[in-house]
Protein backbone atom coordinates (compact mmCIF):
# COMPACT_ATOMS: atom_id res chain seq x y z
CA MET A 1 -161.24 -99.71 -45.11
CA TRP A 2 -161.49 -102.52 -47.66
CA GLU A 3 -161.29 -102.88 -51.44
CA GLN A 4 -163.17 -105.16 -53.78
CA PHE A 5 -162.61 -105.67 -57.48
CA ILE A 6 -165.35 -106.91 -59.82
CA LEU A 7 -165.09 -107.91 -63.47
CA ARG A 8 -167.58 -105.42 -64.86
CA GLY A 9 -167.44 -106.54 -68.48
CA TYR A 10 -165.06 -107.76 -71.11
CA HIS A 11 -164.59 -107.44 -74.85
CA VAL A 12 -162.35 -109.10 -77.38
CA ASP A 13 -159.32 -106.98 -76.58
CA ARG A 14 -159.98 -105.47 -73.16
CA CYS A 15 -161.75 -105.95 -69.85
CA GLU A 16 -163.26 -103.46 -67.42
CA ILE A 17 -162.70 -103.86 -63.69
CA LEU A 18 -164.91 -102.04 -61.22
CA VAL A 19 -163.08 -101.26 -57.98
CA LYS A 20 -165.12 -100.47 -54.87
CA LEU A 21 -163.52 -98.75 -51.91
CA SER A 22 -165.61 -98.73 -48.77
CA PHE A 23 -165.09 -97.09 -45.39
CA GLY A 24 -168.07 -97.42 -43.07
CA LYS A 25 -171.11 -96.19 -44.97
CA LYS A 26 -169.04 -94.23 -47.50
CA GLU A 27 -168.27 -95.93 -50.79
CA LYS A 28 -166.29 -94.84 -53.82
CA GLN A 29 -166.00 -96.56 -57.16
CA ARG A 30 -163.60 -96.38 -60.04
CA ILE A 31 -163.35 -98.29 -63.31
CA HIS A 32 -160.11 -99.56 -64.86
CA THR A 33 -159.99 -100.64 -68.53
CA LEU A 34 -157.22 -103.16 -69.06
CA PRO A 35 -155.99 -105.26 -72.01
CA PHE A 36 -157.63 -108.65 -71.93
CA ASP A 37 -154.48 -110.47 -70.90
CA THR A 38 -154.54 -112.59 -67.76
CA HIS A 39 -150.92 -112.03 -66.76
CA PHE A 40 -151.09 -108.28 -67.30
CA THR A 41 -154.40 -107.97 -65.51
CA LEU A 42 -153.25 -109.90 -62.42
CA SER A 43 -149.99 -107.97 -62.33
CA PHE A 44 -151.95 -104.71 -62.39
CA LEU A 45 -154.19 -105.84 -59.56
CA PHE A 46 -151.34 -106.93 -57.30
CA GLU A 47 -149.20 -103.87 -58.06
CA ASN A 48 -152.09 -101.59 -57.17
CA ASP A 49 -153.12 -103.62 -54.09
CA LEU A 50 -156.58 -104.26 -55.49
CA CYS A 51 -156.66 -107.98 -54.74
CA MET A 52 -158.38 -108.90 -51.49
CA MET A 53 -155.85 -110.71 -49.31
CA PHE A 54 -157.59 -112.78 -46.67
CA SER A 55 -155.90 -112.57 -43.29
CA PRO A 56 -156.08 -115.20 -40.51
CA LEU A 57 -157.26 -112.34 -38.28
CA GLU A 58 -160.25 -111.68 -40.53
CA GLN A 59 -162.28 -114.17 -38.49
CA PHE A 60 -162.17 -111.73 -35.56
CA SER A 61 -163.66 -108.82 -37.52
CA LEU A 62 -166.65 -107.10 -35.94
CA ILE A 63 -169.60 -106.81 -38.30
CA THR A 64 -172.39 -104.35 -37.58
CA LEU A 65 -175.78 -106.06 -37.88
CA ILE A 66 -178.01 -103.32 -36.49
CA PRO A 67 -176.37 -99.88 -36.65
CA LEU A 68 -177.19 -97.64 -33.72
CA HIS A 69 -175.34 -94.54 -32.61
CA ILE A 70 -175.95 -91.21 -30.91
CA GLY A 71 -173.46 -88.71 -32.24
CA ASN A 72 -170.03 -90.27 -31.80
CA LEU A 73 -171.31 -92.89 -29.35
CA TYR A 74 -171.91 -96.22 -31.07
CA PHE A 75 -174.23 -98.85 -29.61
CA SER A 76 -174.47 -101.03 -32.71
CA PHE A 77 -175.59 -104.63 -32.45
CA THR A 78 -172.69 -106.64 -33.85
CA ASN A 79 -171.90 -110.27 -34.57
CA SER A 80 -170.13 -110.37 -31.18
CA SER A 81 -173.34 -109.30 -29.44
CA LEU A 82 -175.30 -111.88 -31.42
CA PHE A 83 -173.08 -114.80 -30.41
CA MET A 84 -173.00 -113.70 -26.76
CA MET A 85 -176.80 -113.74 -26.75
CA LEU A 86 -176.78 -117.05 -28.62
CA SER A 87 -174.46 -118.74 -26.12
CA THR A 88 -176.60 -117.51 -23.23
CA ALA A 89 -179.79 -118.65 -24.95
CA VAL A 90 -178.31 -122.10 -25.67
CA PHE A 91 -177.52 -122.82 -22.02
CA LEU A 92 -180.78 -121.35 -20.72
CA SER A 93 -182.69 -123.48 -23.24
CA LEU A 94 -180.73 -126.53 -22.14
CA CYS A 95 -181.53 -125.85 -18.47
CA TRP A 96 -185.22 -125.37 -19.28
CA PHE A 97 -185.26 -128.56 -21.33
CA VAL A 98 -183.74 -130.75 -18.62
CA THR A 99 -185.72 -129.23 -15.73
CA TYR A 100 -189.05 -129.23 -17.56
CA GLU A 101 -191.67 -130.86 -15.31
CA GLY A 102 -189.08 -131.18 -12.53
CA GLY A 103 -186.59 -133.26 -14.48
CA ARG A 104 -186.31 -137.05 -14.28
CA LEU A 105 -185.43 -139.37 -11.43
CA VAL A 106 -183.14 -141.26 -13.79
CA PRO A 107 -181.39 -138.36 -15.50
CA THR A 108 -180.98 -138.21 -19.25
CA TYR A 109 -177.63 -137.45 -20.88
CA TRP A 110 -178.35 -133.73 -21.07
CA GLN A 111 -179.68 -133.57 -17.53
CA SER A 112 -176.55 -135.37 -16.31
CA LEU A 113 -174.42 -132.83 -18.17
CA VAL A 114 -176.14 -129.85 -16.52
CA GLU A 115 -175.98 -131.49 -13.08
CA MET A 116 -172.30 -132.31 -13.58
CA ILE A 117 -171.48 -128.67 -14.46
CA TYR A 118 -173.48 -127.46 -11.46
CA GLU A 119 -171.77 -129.84 -9.03
CA PHE A 120 -168.35 -129.11 -10.51
CA VAL A 121 -168.64 -125.36 -9.91
CA LEU A 122 -170.23 -125.90 -6.48
CA ASN A 123 -167.35 -128.13 -5.37
CA LEU A 124 -164.90 -125.58 -6.76
CA VAL A 125 -166.45 -122.83 -4.64
CA GLN A 126 -166.54 -124.97 -1.51
CA GLU A 127 -162.92 -126.10 -1.88
CA GLN A 128 -161.45 -122.71 -2.73
CA ILE A 129 -163.58 -120.35 -0.61
CA GLY A 130 -165.38 -122.46 1.99
CA GLU A 131 -168.82 -122.04 3.50
CA LYS A 132 -168.71 -118.25 3.24
CA GLY A 133 -168.30 -118.54 -0.50
CA LYS A 134 -171.65 -120.22 -1.14
CA VAL A 135 -173.37 -116.85 -1.31
CA TYR A 136 -171.19 -116.01 -4.33
CA PHE A 137 -171.88 -119.29 -6.11
CA PRO A 138 -174.37 -117.73 -8.60
CA MET A 139 -171.74 -115.23 -9.77
CA VAL A 140 -169.05 -117.89 -10.14
CA PHE A 141 -171.41 -120.33 -11.87
CA THR A 142 -172.64 -117.68 -14.32
CA THR A 143 -169.07 -116.68 -15.16
CA PHE A 144 -168.00 -120.26 -15.82
CA VAL A 145 -171.01 -121.14 -17.97
CA PHE A 146 -170.81 -117.90 -19.95
CA LEU A 147 -167.14 -118.42 -20.79
CA LEU A 148 -167.54 -122.13 -21.49
CA CYS A 149 -170.46 -121.64 -23.90
CA ASN A 150 -168.81 -118.74 -25.73
CA ASN A 151 -165.52 -120.62 -26.08
CA LEU A 152 -167.16 -123.80 -27.37
CA ILE A 153 -169.53 -122.03 -29.77
CA GLY A 154 -166.49 -120.26 -31.18
CA MET A 155 -165.14 -123.68 -32.26
CA ILE A 156 -168.03 -124.18 -34.67
CA PRO A 157 -166.98 -123.32 -38.26
CA TYR A 158 -168.22 -119.93 -39.53
CA SER A 159 -169.21 -118.86 -36.02
CA PHE A 160 -167.60 -116.10 -33.96
CA THR A 161 -165.46 -116.33 -30.82
CA THR A 162 -166.45 -113.44 -28.57
CA THR A 163 -163.69 -114.21 -26.05
CA SER A 164 -161.06 -113.58 -28.73
CA HIS A 165 -161.70 -109.84 -28.30
CA LEU A 166 -159.81 -108.07 -25.55
CA VAL A 167 -162.67 -105.64 -24.94
CA VAL A 168 -164.92 -108.56 -23.91
CA THR A 169 -162.44 -110.43 -21.72
CA PHE A 170 -160.99 -107.25 -20.20
CA SER A 171 -164.46 -105.93 -19.33
CA LEU A 172 -165.31 -109.23 -17.68
CA SER A 173 -162.03 -109.39 -15.76
CA MET A 174 -162.25 -105.79 -14.56
CA SER A 175 -165.85 -106.33 -13.47
CA THR A 176 -164.70 -109.36 -11.47
CA PHE A 177 -161.78 -107.38 -10.01
CA VAL A 178 -164.04 -104.51 -8.88
CA ALA A 179 -166.58 -106.96 -7.43
CA VAL A 180 -163.89 -108.82 -5.45
CA THR A 181 -162.53 -105.52 -4.10
CA VAL A 182 -165.99 -104.35 -3.03
CA ILE A 183 -166.61 -107.71 -1.33
CA GLY A 184 -163.32 -107.34 0.53
CA PHE A 185 -164.30 -103.92 1.88
CA GLN A 186 -167.76 -105.22 2.81
CA HIS A 187 -166.23 -107.95 4.96
CA HIS A 188 -163.34 -106.06 6.54
CA GLY A 189 -163.86 -102.35 5.97
CA ILE A 190 -160.65 -100.30 6.15
CA HIS A 191 -158.84 -103.35 7.57
CA PHE A 192 -158.89 -104.78 4.03
CA PHE A 193 -155.78 -102.69 3.30
CA SER A 194 -153.85 -105.03 5.61
CA PHE A 195 -153.93 -107.39 2.64
CA LEU A 196 -151.14 -105.26 1.14
CA LEU A 197 -148.73 -106.06 3.96
CA PRO A 198 -147.94 -109.76 4.55
CA PRO A 199 -148.03 -110.78 8.23
CA GLY A 200 -144.67 -110.88 9.94
CA ALA A 201 -143.00 -108.59 7.41
CA PRO A 202 -140.37 -106.15 8.82
CA LEU A 203 -141.64 -102.60 9.13
CA MET A 204 -138.55 -101.30 7.33
CA LEU A 205 -139.67 -103.12 4.19
CA ALA A 206 -143.29 -102.02 4.53
CA PRO A 207 -143.12 -99.15 1.97
CA PHE A 208 -141.61 -101.45 -0.66
CA LEU A 209 -143.89 -104.40 0.11
CA VAL A 210 -147.05 -102.27 0.00
CA VAL A 211 -146.15 -100.89 -3.42
CA ILE A 212 -145.28 -104.35 -4.76
CA GLU A 213 -148.44 -105.93 -3.33
CA LEU A 214 -150.59 -103.08 -4.65
CA ILE A 215 -149.19 -103.44 -8.17
CA SER A 216 -149.57 -107.20 -8.00
CA TYR A 217 -153.16 -106.85 -6.79
CA CYS A 218 -154.11 -104.38 -9.54
CA PHE A 219 -152.59 -106.59 -12.23
CA ARG A 220 -154.99 -109.38 -11.26
CA GLY A 221 -157.75 -107.66 -13.20
CA ILE A 222 -155.52 -107.22 -16.23
CA SER A 223 -154.01 -110.71 -16.27
CA LEU A 224 -157.41 -112.42 -16.07
CA GLY A 225 -158.64 -110.80 -19.28
CA VAL A 226 -155.37 -110.85 -21.22
CA ARG A 227 -154.76 -114.55 -20.49
CA LEU A 228 -158.15 -115.57 -21.82
CA PHE A 229 -157.96 -113.28 -24.85
CA ALA A 230 -154.42 -114.33 -25.82
CA ASN A 231 -155.09 -118.08 -25.58
CA MET A 232 -158.32 -117.98 -27.57
CA MET A 233 -157.01 -115.64 -30.27
CA ALA A 234 -153.69 -117.45 -30.70
CA GLY A 235 -155.33 -120.87 -30.96
CA HIS A 236 -157.92 -119.82 -33.53
CA THR A 237 -155.29 -117.96 -35.57
CA LEU A 238 -153.02 -121.00 -35.65
CA VAL A 239 -155.86 -123.26 -36.81
CA LYS A 240 -156.79 -120.75 -39.52
CA ILE A 241 -153.20 -120.47 -40.79
CA LEU A 242 -152.69 -124.24 -40.96
CA SER A 243 -156.10 -124.73 -42.59
CA GLY A 244 -155.22 -122.21 -45.29
CA PHE A 245 -151.83 -123.84 -45.78
CA SER A 246 -153.45 -127.26 -46.15
CA TRP A 247 -156.02 -125.94 -48.63
CA THR A 248 -153.31 -124.21 -50.69
CA MET A 249 -151.32 -127.44 -50.92
CA MET A 250 -154.43 -129.39 -51.84
CA SER A 251 -155.34 -126.91 -54.59
CA ALA A 252 -151.83 -127.04 -56.06
CA GLY A 253 -152.25 -130.64 -57.11
CA GLY A 254 -149.53 -133.20 -57.76
CA VAL A 255 -147.16 -134.10 -54.95
CA LEU A 256 -148.32 -131.19 -52.81
CA MET A 257 -151.89 -132.48 -52.95
CA VAL A 258 -150.72 -135.85 -51.60
CA ALA A 259 -148.63 -134.16 -48.90
CA SER A 260 -151.52 -131.90 -47.86
CA PHE A 261 -152.87 -134.61 -45.57
CA ILE A 262 -150.03 -133.83 -43.11
CA PRO A 263 -151.15 -130.27 -42.25
CA PHE A 264 -154.74 -131.51 -42.45
CA LEU A 265 -154.06 -134.05 -39.71
CA VAL A 266 -152.32 -131.35 -37.67
CA VAL A 267 -155.40 -129.12 -38.03
CA PHE A 268 -157.63 -132.02 -37.03
CA ALA A 269 -155.53 -132.62 -33.89
CA LEU A 270 -155.36 -128.89 -33.11
CA THR A 271 -159.13 -128.65 -33.29
CA PHE A 272 -159.51 -131.15 -30.45
CA LEU A 273 -156.71 -129.38 -28.59
CA GLU A 274 -158.55 -126.07 -28.95
CA ILE A 275 -161.72 -127.63 -27.56
CA GLY A 276 -159.70 -128.64 -24.52
CA VAL A 277 -158.19 -125.15 -24.29
CA ALA A 278 -161.69 -123.63 -24.49
CA CYS A 279 -162.79 -125.66 -21.46
CA LEU A 280 -159.49 -125.13 -19.65
CA GLN A 281 -159.56 -121.33 -20.04
CA ALA A 282 -163.08 -121.16 -18.63
CA TYR A 283 -161.88 -123.27 -15.68
CA VAL A 284 -158.73 -121.14 -15.14
CA PHE A 285 -160.73 -117.89 -15.17
CA THR A 286 -163.24 -119.37 -12.72
CA ILE A 287 -160.77 -120.88 -10.27
CA LEU A 288 -158.73 -117.66 -10.18
CA THR A 289 -161.94 -115.78 -9.43
CA CYS A 290 -162.54 -118.17 -6.52
CA ILE A 291 -158.98 -117.68 -5.26
CA TYR A 292 -159.36 -113.90 -5.39
CA LEU A 293 -162.68 -114.15 -3.55
CA ASN A 294 -161.03 -116.32 -0.90
CA ASP A 295 -158.28 -113.73 -0.43
CA ALA A 296 -160.85 -110.94 -0.14
CA ILE A 297 -162.95 -112.83 2.42
CA HIS A 298 -160.21 -114.39 4.55
CA LEU A 299 -157.30 -112.01 3.80
CA HIS A 300 -153.90 -113.65 4.40
């Protein structure tokens, strides 16, 4: 639910404020007639919580672009869906551009970038999983590129960071967790459960070790998504808070305006740090996926 106040009209001695209250598609309006006095009017607005207070978390709000629902099931196309499609389209367009007519013998900058990403993920799979892991290279490569593009596009001002939503990262991590488990059973069948008991462990400790290993194994799917979500959300929130603080100091004028360059420089440095975090989180998610695949294929 959100509120919006609009100066509807004013006269010599009074002003009329139209207040809109919206919740989904429902909207209510009410009109307040107040004395035309700035101090009194602002006091009224703050006392009645009619002023819109912008939160650092507002940047993560989901906005419905194309409403679609069947009963209580909602399948609306949101800004999150738009930017996920945009990030996918950007990389696919880049791949088509650099491989058009077979690419070039002397690669261009963009072709070198695509080849470098490809070789980086391929080496990651070979080092962490081995020869048996090459068959899963498309899955690992797609995961890395998807996360990298979404994280970097989220750094563009007025864009949207899809990986700052737990529902996106958790869905991706649980999908990876289920896929790794299925792969483990495909390779070893029922023997895959031996993964829960480390080799050489005393049989007396088996009941405790199995429970601990099972909990640890199940938390892999949770930790993958929560780690990515927490890092992306925290970083963007911090940048937003410091940006607002810098702008407030700059708008105040005087000494504060001169001192505003300090938080501005911090924001500038944090922006580059967040770009590094965006790349690092895509790498961490990918390398952990490779480690989990290695455990599923080779067990202990």
